[in-house]
Amino acid sequence: MSDANVEFEEDAVDQQPKDPVRAHMRKLEAENKALREAAQAAEQAKRELTFVKAGINPDDPKAKYFVKGYDGELTVEAIKVAAEEASLIPSQRKEIEQDAQAFGRLNRAAAFGETSEPVVDYADKIRQAKSPDEVMQLLAQARQEAETL
């Protein structure tokens, strides 16, 4: 019985493919398929990264539909514009307008402060006062001004 096992082992080792060219072609086809799958996965990862850079949360259910359906230019700026139109991300234009309005209010407040009356130096006026009644009037004015602030 041991002789029979040796015969089968020798036959298995001695067998070579009938068509070595076809065997090589199958090997190349398998490698080609693997490379295509890797390239497709890399392209998908690149696409997803572009959406993430544009500020879109890939875990958001609405964003998943947006990412699947988006067929525009794959640049961060183009995706941001489309996402703003779809209300997936806050509009930068609105933020810029809000900042401009706040800056305008700040400028108006600063300008208003410049046009108001200058700060009165009551210590200097009290030193220059000539009578106790004048000092008392200045103190009353200072108290009244402090209460209005």
N, C-alpha and C. Protein backbone atom coordinates (compact mmCIF):
# COMPACT_ATOMS: atom_id res chain seq x y z
N MET A 1 0.80 -1.19 0.00
CA MET A 1 0.00 0.00 0.00
C MET A 1 0.84 1.25 0.00
N SER A 2 1.97 1.18 0.64
CA SER A 2 2.82 2.35 0.67
C SER A 2 3.35 2.69 -0.71
N ASP A 3 3.49 1.70 -1.59
CA ASP A 3 3.94 1.98 -2.95
C ASP A 3 2.90 2.77 -3.73
N ALA A 4 1.64 2.55 -3.44
CA ALA A 4 0.58 3.25 -4.17
C ALA A 4 0.59 4.74 -3.84
N ASN A 5 0.85 5.09 -2.59
CA ASN A 5 0.89 6.52 -2.21
C ASN A 5 2.04 7.23 -2.90
N VAL A 6 3.14 6.57 -3.05
CA VAL A 6 4.31 7.18 -3.69
C VAL A 6 4.00 7.47 -5.14
N GLU A 7 3.28 6.58 -5.79
CA GLU A 7 2.95 6.79 -7.20
C GLU A 7 2.09 8.03 -7.38
N PHE A 8 1.08 8.21 -6.51
CA PHE A 8 0.20 9.37 -6.64
C PHE A 8 0.95 10.67 -6.36
N GLU A 9 1.86 10.66 -5.41
CA GLU A 9 2.63 11.86 -5.11
C GLU A 9 3.52 12.23 -6.28
N GLU A 10 4.14 11.23 -6.91
CA GLU A 10 5.01 11.53 -8.04
C GLU A 10 4.20 12.06 -9.21
N ASP A 11 3.00 11.54 -9.43
CA ASP A 11 2.17 12.01 -10.52
C ASP A 11 1.75 13.47 -10.30
N ALA A 12 1.44 13.81 -9.07
CA ALA A 12 1.01 15.17 -8.76
C ALA A 12 2.15 16.16 -8.98
N VAL A 13 3.37 15.77 -8.64
CA VAL A 13 4.52 16.66 -8.81
C VAL A 13 4.89 16.79 -10.27
N ASP A 14 4.78 15.71 -11.01
CA ASP A 14 5.20 15.72 -12.40
C ASP A 14 4.20 16.42 -13.31
N GLN A 15 2.95 16.59 -12.85
CA GLN A 15 1.94 17.20 -13.71
C GLN A 15 2.20 18.69 -13.85
N GLN A 16 2.22 19.13 -15.05
CA GLN A 16 2.36 20.55 -15.34
C GLN A 16 1.13 20.96 -16.13
N PRO A 17 0.76 22.23 -16.07
CA PRO A 17 -0.41 22.63 -16.83
C PRO A 17 -0.21 22.32 -18.31
N LYS A 18 -1.30 21.97 -18.93
CA LYS A 18 -1.22 21.64 -20.34
C LYS A 18 -0.89 22.87 -21.17
N ASP A 19 -1.43 24.03 -20.74
CA ASP A 19 -1.20 25.26 -21.49
C ASP A 19 -0.59 26.30 -20.55
N PRO A 20 0.72 26.44 -20.50
CA PRO A 20 1.34 27.40 -19.57
C PRO A 20 0.98 28.85 -19.89
N VAL A 21 0.72 29.14 -21.16
CA VAL A 21 0.35 30.51 -21.54
C VAL A 21 -1.01 30.86 -20.94
N ARG A 22 -1.95 29.93 -21.02
CA ARG A 22 -3.28 30.18 -20.45
C ARG A 22 -3.20 30.32 -18.94
N ALA A 23 -2.38 29.54 -18.29
CA ALA A 23 -2.22 29.64 -16.84
C ALA A 23 -1.65 31.00 -16.47
N HIS A 24 -0.69 31.48 -17.24
CA HIS A 24 -0.11 32.80 -16.99
C HIS A 24 -1.16 33.90 -17.23
N MET A 25 -1.98 33.71 -18.26
CA MET A 25 -3.04 34.69 -18.55
C MET A 25 -4.04 34.76 -17.38
N ARG A 26 -4.40 33.61 -16.81
CA ARG A 26 -5.32 33.59 -15.67
C ARG A 26 -4.71 34.33 -14.48
N LYS A 27 -3.43 34.12 -14.29
CA LYS A 27 -2.73 34.80 -13.19
C LYS A 27 -2.75 36.31 -13.42
N LEU A 28 -2.48 36.75 -14.64
CA LEU A 28 -2.50 38.18 -14.96
C LEU A 28 -3.91 38.76 -14.84
N GLU A 29 -4.92 38.00 -15.25
CA GLU A 29 -6.30 38.46 -15.11
C GLU A 29 -6.68 38.65 -13.64
N ALA A 30 -6.25 37.72 -12.79
CA ALA A 30 -6.53 37.84 -11.36
C ALA A 30 -5.82 39.06 -10.77
N GLU A 31 -4.58 39.29 -11.16
CA GLU A 31 -3.85 40.48 -10.69
C GLU A 31 -4.52 41.75 -11.19
N ASN A 32 -4.96 41.73 -12.44
CA ASN A 32 -5.63 42.90 -13.03
C ASN A 32 -6.92 43.21 -12.27
N LYS A 33 -7.68 42.17 -11.94
CA LYS A 33 -8.92 42.35 -11.19
C LYS A 33 -8.64 42.95 -9.81
N ALA A 34 -7.60 42.44 -9.15
CA ALA A 34 -7.24 42.95 -7.82
C ALA A 34 -6.80 44.40 -7.91
N LEU A 35 -6.04 44.75 -8.93
CA LEU A 35 -5.59 46.13 -9.10
C LEU A 35 -6.76 47.07 -9.40
N ARG A 36 -7.70 46.62 -10.20
CA ARG A 36 -8.88 47.45 -10.50
C ARG A 36 -9.70 47.70 -9.23
N GLU A 37 -9.86 46.67 -8.42
CA GLU A 37 -10.60 46.83 -7.17
C GLU A 37 -9.88 47.79 -6.24
N ALA A 38 -8.54 47.70 -6.18
CA ALA A 38 -7.77 48.61 -5.33
C ALA A 38 -7.88 50.04 -5.84
N ALA A 39 -7.84 50.22 -7.17
CA ALA A 39 -7.95 51.56 -7.75
C ALA A 39 -9.34 52.14 -7.47
N GLN A 40 -10.37 51.30 -7.56
CA GLN A 40 -11.73 51.76 -7.30
C GLN A 40 -11.88 52.16 -5.82
N ALA A 41 -11.29 51.37 -4.93
CA ALA A 41 -11.36 51.70 -3.50
C ALA A 41 -10.61 52.99 -3.21
N ALA A 42 -9.48 53.19 -3.87
CA ALA A 42 -8.71 54.43 -3.67
C ALA A 42 -9.49 55.63 -4.19
N GLU A 43 -10.15 55.47 -5.31
CA GLU A 43 -10.94 56.58 -5.86
C GLU A 43 -12.11 56.91 -4.94
N GLN A 44 -12.74 55.89 -4.38
CA GLN A 44 -13.85 56.11 -3.43
C GLN A 44 -13.34 56.82 -2.18
N ALA A 45 -12.17 56.42 -1.68
CA ALA A 45 -11.60 57.06 -0.49
C ALA A 45 -11.25 58.51 -0.79
N LYS A 46 -10.72 58.77 -1.97
CA LYS A 46 -10.37 60.14 -2.36
C LYS A 46 -11.64 61.00 -2.44
N ARG A 47 -12.70 60.45 -2.99
CA ARG A 47 -13.98 61.16 -3.10
C ARG A 47 -14.52 61.48 -1.70
N GLU A 48 -14.49 60.49 -0.82
CA GLU A 48 -14.99 60.69 0.54
C GLU A 48 -14.16 61.73 1.28
N LEU A 49 -12.85 61.71 1.10
CA LEU A 49 -11.98 62.69 1.74
C LEU A 49 -12.30 64.10 1.27
N THR A 50 -12.59 64.25 -0.01
CA THR A 50 -12.94 65.56 -0.54
C THR A 50 -14.21 66.09 0.12
N PHE A 51 -15.19 65.22 0.32
CA PHE A 51 -16.42 65.64 0.98
C PHE A 51 -16.16 66.01 2.44
N VAL A 52 -15.31 65.26 3.10
CA VAL A 52 -14.98 65.57 4.50
C VAL A 52 -14.27 66.91 4.59
N LYS A 53 -13.35 67.16 3.66
CA LYS A 53 -12.64 68.45 3.64
C LYS A 53 -13.61 69.61 3.39
N ALA A 54 -14.69 69.34 2.69
CA ALA A 54 -15.68 70.38 2.41
C ALA A 54 -16.58 70.64 3.62
N GLY A 55 -16.42 69.82 4.68
CA GLY A 55 -17.18 70.05 5.90
C GLY A 55 -18.45 69.23 6.01
N ILE A 56 -18.56 68.19 5.22
CA ILE A 56 -19.75 67.35 5.24
C ILE A 56 -19.49 66.14 6.12
N ASN A 57 -20.38 65.91 7.08
CA ASN A 57 -20.26 64.79 7.99
C ASN A 57 -20.74 63.52 7.27
N PRO A 58 -19.85 62.55 7.03
CA PRO A 58 -20.26 61.37 6.28
C PRO A 58 -21.21 60.46 7.06
N ASP A 59 -21.34 60.64 8.36
CA ASP A 59 -22.23 59.82 9.16
C ASP A 59 -23.66 60.36 9.20
N ASP A 60 -23.86 61.58 8.75
CA ASP A 60 -25.18 62.20 8.72
C ASP A 60 -26.02 61.53 7.61
N PRO A 61 -27.23 61.05 7.93
CA PRO A 61 -28.03 60.37 6.91
C PRO A 61 -28.34 61.24 5.68
N LYS A 62 -28.61 62.53 5.90
CA LYS A 62 -28.87 63.41 4.76
C LYS A 62 -27.63 63.55 3.90
N ALA A 63 -26.47 63.59 4.55
CA ALA A 63 -25.23 63.76 3.81
C ALA A 63 -24.91 62.52 2.98
N LYS A 64 -25.30 61.34 3.46
CA LYS A 64 -25.06 60.12 2.69
C LYS A 64 -25.75 60.19 1.33
N TYR A 65 -26.99 60.65 1.34
CA TYR A 65 -27.71 60.80 0.07
C TYR A 65 -27.05 61.85 -0.81
N PHE A 66 -26.61 62.93 -0.19
CA PHE A 66 -25.96 63.99 -0.95
C PHE A 66 -24.68 63.47 -1.60
N VAL A 67 -23.87 62.74 -0.83
CA VAL A 67 -22.60 62.21 -1.35
C VAL A 67 -22.87 61.23 -2.49
N LYS A 68 -23.87 60.37 -2.32
CA LYS A 68 -24.19 59.40 -3.37
C LYS A 68 -24.67 60.08 -4.64
N GLY A 69 -25.50 61.09 -4.49
CA GLY A 69 -26.12 61.73 -5.64
C GLY A 69 -25.31 62.83 -6.27
N TYR A 70 -24.24 63.28 -5.61
CA TYR A 70 -23.47 64.41 -6.14
C TYR A 70 -22.72 63.99 -7.40
N ASP A 71 -22.92 64.74 -8.47
CA ASP A 71 -22.22 64.41 -9.72
C ASP A 71 -21.49 65.62 -10.30
N GLY A 72 -21.28 66.63 -9.48
CA GLY A 72 -20.58 67.82 -9.94
C GLY A 72 -19.07 67.66 -9.86
N GLU A 73 -18.41 68.79 -9.95
CA GLU A 73 -16.95 68.82 -9.91
C GLU A 73 -16.47 68.40 -8.51
N LEU A 74 -15.45 67.56 -8.46
CA LEU A 74 -14.96 67.04 -7.18
C LEU A 74 -13.86 67.93 -6.62
N THR A 75 -14.22 69.17 -6.33
CA THR A 75 -13.30 70.08 -5.64
C THR A 75 -13.99 70.51 -4.35
N VAL A 76 -13.20 70.88 -3.38
CA VAL A 76 -13.75 71.28 -2.08
C VAL A 76 -14.69 72.47 -2.24
N GLU A 77 -14.30 73.46 -3.06
CA GLU A 77 -15.11 74.66 -3.22
C GLU A 77 -16.45 74.34 -3.86
N ALA A 78 -16.43 73.52 -4.93
CA ALA A 78 -17.67 73.19 -5.62
C ALA A 78 -18.61 72.40 -4.71
N ILE A 79 -18.05 71.50 -3.92
CA ILE A 79 -18.87 70.70 -3.01
C ILE A 79 -19.45 71.59 -1.92
N LYS A 80 -18.67 72.55 -1.43
CA LYS A 80 -19.18 73.47 -0.40
C LYS A 80 -20.36 74.27 -0.92
N VAL A 81 -20.25 74.76 -2.14
CA VAL A 81 -21.34 75.55 -2.71
C VAL A 81 -22.60 74.69 -2.82
N ALA A 82 -22.45 73.48 -3.34
CA ALA A 82 -23.61 72.59 -3.48
C ALA A 82 -24.19 72.20 -2.12
N ALA A 83 -23.33 71.98 -1.14
CA ALA A 83 -23.80 71.61 0.21
C ALA A 83 -24.50 72.79 0.88
N GLU A 84 -24.04 74.00 0.64
CA GLU A 84 -24.71 75.18 1.18
C GLU A 84 -26.10 75.32 0.56
N GLU A 85 -26.19 75.07 -0.75
CA GLU A 85 -27.48 75.15 -1.43
C GLU A 85 -28.44 74.09 -0.89
N ALA A 86 -27.89 72.93 -0.51
CA ALA A 86 -28.72 71.85 0.03
C ALA A 86 -28.93 71.99 1.53
N SER A 87 -28.40 73.04 2.13
CA SER A 87 -28.51 73.33 3.57
C SER A 87 -27.91 72.23 4.44
N LEU A 88 -26.85 71.61 3.96
CA LEU A 88 -26.14 70.61 4.76
C LEU A 88 -25.10 71.25 5.66
N ILE A 89 -24.54 72.35 5.21
CA ILE A 89 -23.55 73.09 6.00
C ILE A 89 -23.99 74.55 6.05
N PRO A 90 -23.62 75.27 7.11
CA PRO A 90 -24.02 76.68 7.19
C PRO A 90 -23.33 77.49 6.10
N SER A 91 -24.06 78.45 5.61
CA SER A 91 -23.55 79.29 4.54
C SER A 91 -22.47 80.23 5.05
N GLN A 92 -21.34 80.24 4.38
CA GLN A 92 -20.26 81.15 4.77
C GLN A 92 -20.62 82.58 4.42
N ARG A 93 -21.43 82.75 3.39
CA ARG A 93 -21.84 84.10 3.01
C ARG A 93 -22.66 84.75 4.13
N LYS A 94 -23.53 83.97 4.74
CA LYS A 94 -24.34 84.50 5.84
C LYS A 94 -23.46 84.87 7.02
N GLU A 95 -22.47 84.03 7.30
CA GLU A 95 -21.56 84.33 8.41
C GLU A 95 -20.77 85.60 8.12
N ILE A 96 -20.35 85.78 6.88
CA ILE A 96 -19.60 86.98 6.51
C ILE A 96 -20.50 88.21 6.64
N GLU A 97 -21.76 88.08 6.20
CA GLU A 97 -22.69 89.21 6.34
C GLU A 97 -22.95 89.54 7.80
N GLN A 98 -23.09 88.51 8.64
CA GLN A 98 -23.32 88.74 10.06
C GLN A 98 -22.10 89.41 10.69
N ASP A 99 -20.91 88.97 10.29
CA ASP A 99 -19.69 89.59 10.81
C ASP A 99 -19.60 91.05 10.37
N ALA A 100 -19.97 91.32 9.12
CA ALA A 100 -19.92 92.69 8.62
C ALA A 100 -20.92 93.57 9.37
N GLN A 101 -22.11 93.03 9.65
CA GLN A 101 -23.10 93.79 10.41
C GLN A 101 -22.60 94.07 11.82
N ALA A 102 -22.01 93.07 12.45
CA ALA A 102 -21.49 93.27 13.81
C ALA A 102 -20.36 94.29 13.80
N PHE A 103 -19.51 94.23 12.79
CA PHE A 103 -18.42 95.20 12.69
C PHE A 103 -18.97 96.61 12.49
N GLY A 104 -20.04 96.72 11.68
CA GLY A 104 -20.67 98.03 11.47
C GLY A 104 -21.26 98.58 12.75
N ARG A 105 -21.93 97.70 13.54
CA ARG A 105 -22.48 98.15 14.82
C ARG A 105 -21.37 98.61 15.75
N LEU A 106 -20.27 97.88 15.74
CA LEU A 106 -19.13 98.24 16.59
C LEU A 106 -18.56 99.59 16.17
N ASN A 107 -18.45 99.83 14.87
CA ASN A 107 -17.94 101.12 14.39
C ASN A 107 -18.89 102.26 14.75
N ARG A 108 -20.20 102.01 14.63
CA ARG A 108 -21.17 103.06 14.99
C ARG A 108 -21.08 103.37 16.49
N ALA A 109 -20.92 102.34 17.30
CA ALA A 109 -20.80 102.57 18.74
C ALA A 109 -19.53 103.34 19.06
N ALA A 110 -18.45 103.01 18.38
CA ALA A 110 -17.19 103.72 18.61
C ALA A 110 -17.31 105.18 18.16
N ALA A 111 -17.97 105.37 17.02
CA ALA A 111 -18.15 106.74 16.53
C ALA A 111 -19.06 107.53 17.46
N PHE A 112 -20.07 106.88 18.01
CA PHE A 112 -20.95 107.55 18.95
C PHE A 112 -20.19 107.96 20.20
N GLY A 113 -19.29 107.12 20.66
CA GLY A 113 -18.48 107.45 21.83
C GLY A 113 -17.57 108.63 21.57
N GLU A 114 -17.11 108.77 20.33
CA GLU A 114 -16.22 109.88 20.00
C GLU A 114 -16.98 111.20 19.90
N THR A 115 -18.24 111.15 19.53
CA THR A 115 -19.00 112.39 19.37
C THR A 115 -19.64 112.86 20.67
N SER A 116 -19.61 112.03 21.70
CA SER A 116 -20.21 112.44 22.97
C SER A 116 -19.28 113.45 23.66
N GLU A 117 -19.78 113.99 24.72
CA GLU A 117 -19.01 115.01 25.45
C GLU A 117 -17.76 114.38 26.05
N PRO A 118 -16.70 115.15 26.11
CA PRO A 118 -15.48 114.62 26.70
C PRO A 118 -15.68 114.36 28.20
N VAL A 119 -14.86 113.48 28.73
CA VAL A 119 -14.95 113.14 30.15
C VAL A 119 -14.53 114.36 30.98
N VAL A 120 -15.35 114.67 31.97
CA VAL A 120 -15.09 115.83 32.82
C VAL A 120 -14.15 115.41 33.94
N ASP A 121 -13.12 116.19 34.14
CA ASP A 121 -12.16 115.93 35.22
C ASP A 121 -12.63 116.71 36.45
N TYR A 122 -13.42 116.03 37.28
CA TYR A 122 -14.00 116.71 38.44
C TYR A 122 -12.95 117.05 39.49
N ALA A 123 -11.91 116.24 39.59
CA ALA A 123 -10.86 116.54 40.57
C ALA A 123 -10.22 117.88 40.25
N ASP A 124 -9.98 118.11 38.97
CA ASP A 124 -9.37 119.38 38.57
C ASP A 124 -10.34 120.54 38.81
N LYS A 125 -11.62 120.35 38.50
CA LYS A 125 -12.60 121.41 38.70
C LYS A 125 -12.77 121.74 40.19
N ILE A 126 -12.72 120.69 41.04
CA ILE A 126 -12.85 120.93 42.48
C ILE A 126 -11.67 121.74 42.99
N ARG A 127 -10.47 121.43 42.49
CA ARG A 127 -9.29 122.21 42.91
C ARG A 127 -9.42 123.68 42.49
N GLN A 128 -10.06 123.90 41.36
CA GLN A 128 -10.19 125.28 40.86
C GLN A 128 -11.41 126.00 41.44
N ALA A 129 -12.23 125.31 42.18
CA ALA A 129 -13.44 125.92 42.74
C ALA A 129 -13.05 127.01 43.74
N LYS A 130 -13.88 128.07 43.79
CA LYS A 130 -13.55 129.21 44.64
C LYS A 130 -14.38 129.25 45.92
N SER A 131 -15.43 128.45 45.93
CA SER A 131 -16.26 128.47 47.14
C SER A 131 -16.73 127.06 47.47
N PRO A 132 -17.11 126.84 48.75
CA PRO A 132 -17.63 125.51 49.13
C PRO A 132 -18.92 125.16 48.39
N ASP A 133 -19.73 126.14 48.06
CA ASP A 133 -20.97 125.87 47.32
C ASP A 133 -20.66 125.34 45.92
N GLU A 134 -19.65 125.90 45.31
CA GLU A 134 -19.25 125.43 43.96
C GLU A 134 -18.74 123.99 44.03
N VAL A 135 -18.02 123.63 45.09
CA VAL A 135 -17.53 122.25 45.28
C VAL A 135 -18.72 121.31 45.44
N MET A 136 -19.72 121.72 46.22
CA MET A 136 -20.90 120.88 46.44
C MET A 136 -21.68 120.68 45.13
N GLN A 137 -21.76 121.70 44.30
CA GLN A 137 -22.43 121.57 43.02
C GLN A 137 -21.68 120.59 42.11
N LEU A 138 -20.37 120.70 42.11
CA LEU A 138 -19.56 119.78 41.30
C LEU A 138 -19.71 118.34 41.78
N LEU A 139 -19.75 118.14 43.09
CA LEU A 139 -19.95 116.78 43.62
C LEU A 139 -21.33 116.23 43.24
N ALA A 140 -22.35 117.08 43.26
CA ALA A 140 -23.70 116.66 42.88
C ALA A 140 -23.73 116.27 41.40
N GLN A 141 -23.05 117.05 40.55
CA GLN A 141 -22.98 116.72 39.13
C GLN A 141 -22.25 115.38 38.91
N ALA A 142 -21.17 115.18 39.63
CA ALA A 142 -20.40 113.94 39.49
C ALA A 142 -21.26 112.75 39.91
N ARG A 143 -22.02 112.89 41.02
CA ARG A 143 -22.90 111.79 41.48
C ARG A 143 -23.97 111.50 40.43
N GLN A 144 -24.55 112.54 39.89
CA GLN A 144 -25.61 112.37 38.89
C GLN A 144 -25.06 111.70 37.63
N GLU A 145 -23.90 112.08 37.21
CA GLU A 145 -23.27 111.48 36.01
C GLU A 145 -22.93 110.01 36.29
N ALA A 146 -22.47 109.70 37.48
CA ALA A 146 -22.12 108.32 37.82
C ALA A 146 -23.38 107.45 37.82
N GLU A 147 -24.50 107.98 38.23
CA GLU A 147 -25.75 107.19 38.27
C GLU A 147 -26.28 106.93 36.88
N THR A 148 -26.06 107.82 35.93
CA THR A 148 -26.56 107.63 34.57
C THR A 148 -25.72 106.64 33.76
N LEU A 149 -24.51 106.39 34.22
CA LEU A 149 -23.66 105.43 33.50
C LEU A 149 -24.17 104.07 33.80
